[in-house]
Amino acid sequence: MKNQTFTQTEILANPTTLSWVYILNNTKTQEMNIGLSFNLAKQIGTLDPTEELVYYRSFGAPFDALAHKHLLDSLTKETVMHNIKQENPTLSNLIPEIINQTTF
C-alpha cells in the first residue's frame, strides 16, 4: 500500500519489530474490524475465510500504532471506508502483500 512507514527491505529485515494497524472486512456480514498487531503475518493466519485484509499500516513505535488505531476507531464507518478506498480503491484482499513481504 502507499504511504507505508517502512520499506519492504526494512520489513523483511525484521518484520516482528513493527506494530501494525489493520482493517478487516467480513465479506459475509460487511462488518469492519480495526485491529492492532505486533505480528501481522501471524495474525493473518488466524483469520476466518470470510475476512479480507483491506488496509494495513506499519509503525516503528507501538504508541504510534495505538494512536492510529484509536483515531480510526473514533471515525465513522463511512469516513474509514473513504480513507481505505484512497489506498485500496477496489477493496482488494491485501493478504498476499503481507505474505510476500514477510516470507523469505
Protein backbone atom coordinates (compact mmCIF):
# COMPACT_ATOMS: atom_id res chain seq x y z
CA MET A 1 0.00 0.00 0.00
CA LYS A 2 1.07 3.58 -0.42
CA ASN A 3 2.29 5.70 2.48
CA GLN A 4 3.79 2.85 4.45
CA THR A 5 6.11 3.94 7.18
CA PHE A 6 8.77 1.35 6.28
CA THR A 7 10.16 -0.01 3.03
CA GLN A 8 9.79 -3.65 2.04
CA THR A 9 13.50 -4.18 2.71
CA GLU A 10 13.11 -2.91 6.26
CA ILE A 11 10.08 -5.13 6.82
CA LEU A 12 11.92 -8.18 5.51
CA ALA A 13 14.90 -7.43 7.75
CA ASN A 14 12.84 -7.72 10.93
CA PRO A 15 9.05 -7.90 10.44
CA THR A 16 8.27 -8.71 14.06
CA THR A 17 9.65 -5.44 15.47
CA LEU A 18 6.90 -3.42 13.86
CA SER A 19 3.46 -2.60 15.15
CA TRP A 20 0.63 -2.93 12.67
CA VAL A 21 -2.81 -1.37 12.42
CA TYR A 22 -5.07 -3.25 10.06
CA ILE A 23 -8.68 -3.31 8.92
CA LEU A 24 -10.52 -6.49 8.07
CA ASN A 25 -13.71 -6.58 6.06
CA ASN A 26 -16.04 -9.52 6.59
CA THR A 27 -17.35 -10.41 3.14
CA LYS A 28 -20.39 -12.16 4.61
CA THR A 29 -21.59 -9.53 7.10
CA GLN A 30 -19.83 -6.43 5.65
CA GLU A 31 -18.59 -5.59 9.15
CA MET A 32 -15.23 -3.89 9.55
CA ASN A 33 -12.80 -4.81 12.30
CA ILE A 34 -9.94 -2.45 13.17
CA GLY A 35 -7.07 -4.25 14.84
CA LEU A 36 -3.59 -3.83 16.24
CA SER A 37 -0.90 -6.50 15.97
CA PHE A 38 2.79 -6.91 16.66
CA ASN A 39 2.99 -9.77 14.15
CA LEU A 40 0.59 -9.20 11.28
CA ALA A 41 1.67 -12.28 9.31
CA LYS A 42 0.83 -14.49 12.30
CA GLN A 43 -2.47 -12.65 12.83
CA ILE A 44 -3.43 -13.27 9.21
CA GLY A 45 -3.00 -16.99 9.77
CA THR A 46 -5.86 -16.95 12.28
CA LEU A 47 -8.40 -15.17 10.08
CA ASP A 48 -11.79 -16.54 9.24
CA PRO A 49 -12.14 -17.34 5.49
CA THR A 50 -14.81 -14.64 5.20
CA GLU A 51 -12.39 -11.92 6.39
CA GLU A 52 -10.27 -9.91 3.99
CA LEU A 53 -7.43 -7.55 4.83
CA VAL A 54 -8.32 -4.26 3.13
CA TYR A 55 -5.93 -1.88 4.94
CA TYR A 56 -2.70 -2.08 6.87
CA ARG A 57 -0.04 0.30 8.06
CA SER A 58 3.17 -0.35 9.94
CA PHE A 59 4.66 1.71 12.77
CA GLY A 60 8.04 1.57 14.45
CA ALA A 61 6.64 2.64 17.82
CA PRO A 62 3.74 0.78 19.48
CA PHE A 63 2.40 4.08 20.85
CA ASP A 64 2.05 5.47 17.32
CA ALA A 65 0.19 2.36 16.20
CA LEU A 66 -2.14 2.56 19.18
CA ALA A 67 -2.82 6.25 18.50
CA HIS A 68 -3.62 5.49 14.83
CA LYS A 69 -5.96 2.67 15.83
CA HIS A 70 -7.67 4.96 18.31
CA LEU A 71 -8.11 7.59 15.58
CA LEU A 72 -9.64 5.05 13.19
CA ASP A 73 -11.94 3.76 15.95
CA SER A 74 -13.22 7.30 16.52
CA LEU A 75 -14.19 7.86 12.88
CA THR A 76 -17.49 6.91 11.28
CA LYS A 77 -17.62 3.78 9.15
CA GLU A 78 -18.17 5.95 6.08
CA THR A 79 -15.07 8.03 6.80
CA VAL A 80 -12.94 4.95 7.42
CA MET A 81 -14.21 3.40 4.19
CA HIS A 82 -13.42 6.60 2.28
CA ASN A 83 -9.86 6.53 3.63
CA ILE A 84 -9.45 2.85 2.78
CA LYS A 85 -10.61 3.50 -0.78
CA GLN A 86 -7.96 6.20 -1.16
CA GLU A 87 -5.34 3.48 -0.70
CA ASN A 88 -7.22 0.43 -1.95
CA PRO A 89 -9.98 1.60 -4.35
CA THR A 90 -11.25 -1.88 -5.21
CA LEU A 91 -11.06 -3.16 -1.60
CA SER A 92 -8.76 -5.93 -2.78
CA ASN A 93 -7.66 -8.52 -0.28
CA LEU A 94 -4.14 -7.45 0.72
CA ILE A 95 -3.17 -10.69 2.46
CA PRO A 96 -0.86 -11.72 -0.43
CA GLU A 97 1.11 -8.47 0.02
CA ILE A 98 1.81 -9.27 3.67
CA ILE A 99 2.68 -12.89 2.95
CA ASN A 100 5.06 -11.86 0.15
CA GLN A 101 6.73 -9.24 2.39
CA THR A 102 7.31 -11.49 5.37
CA THR A 103 8.44 -14.74 3.76
CA PHE A 104 11.98 -15.36 2.68
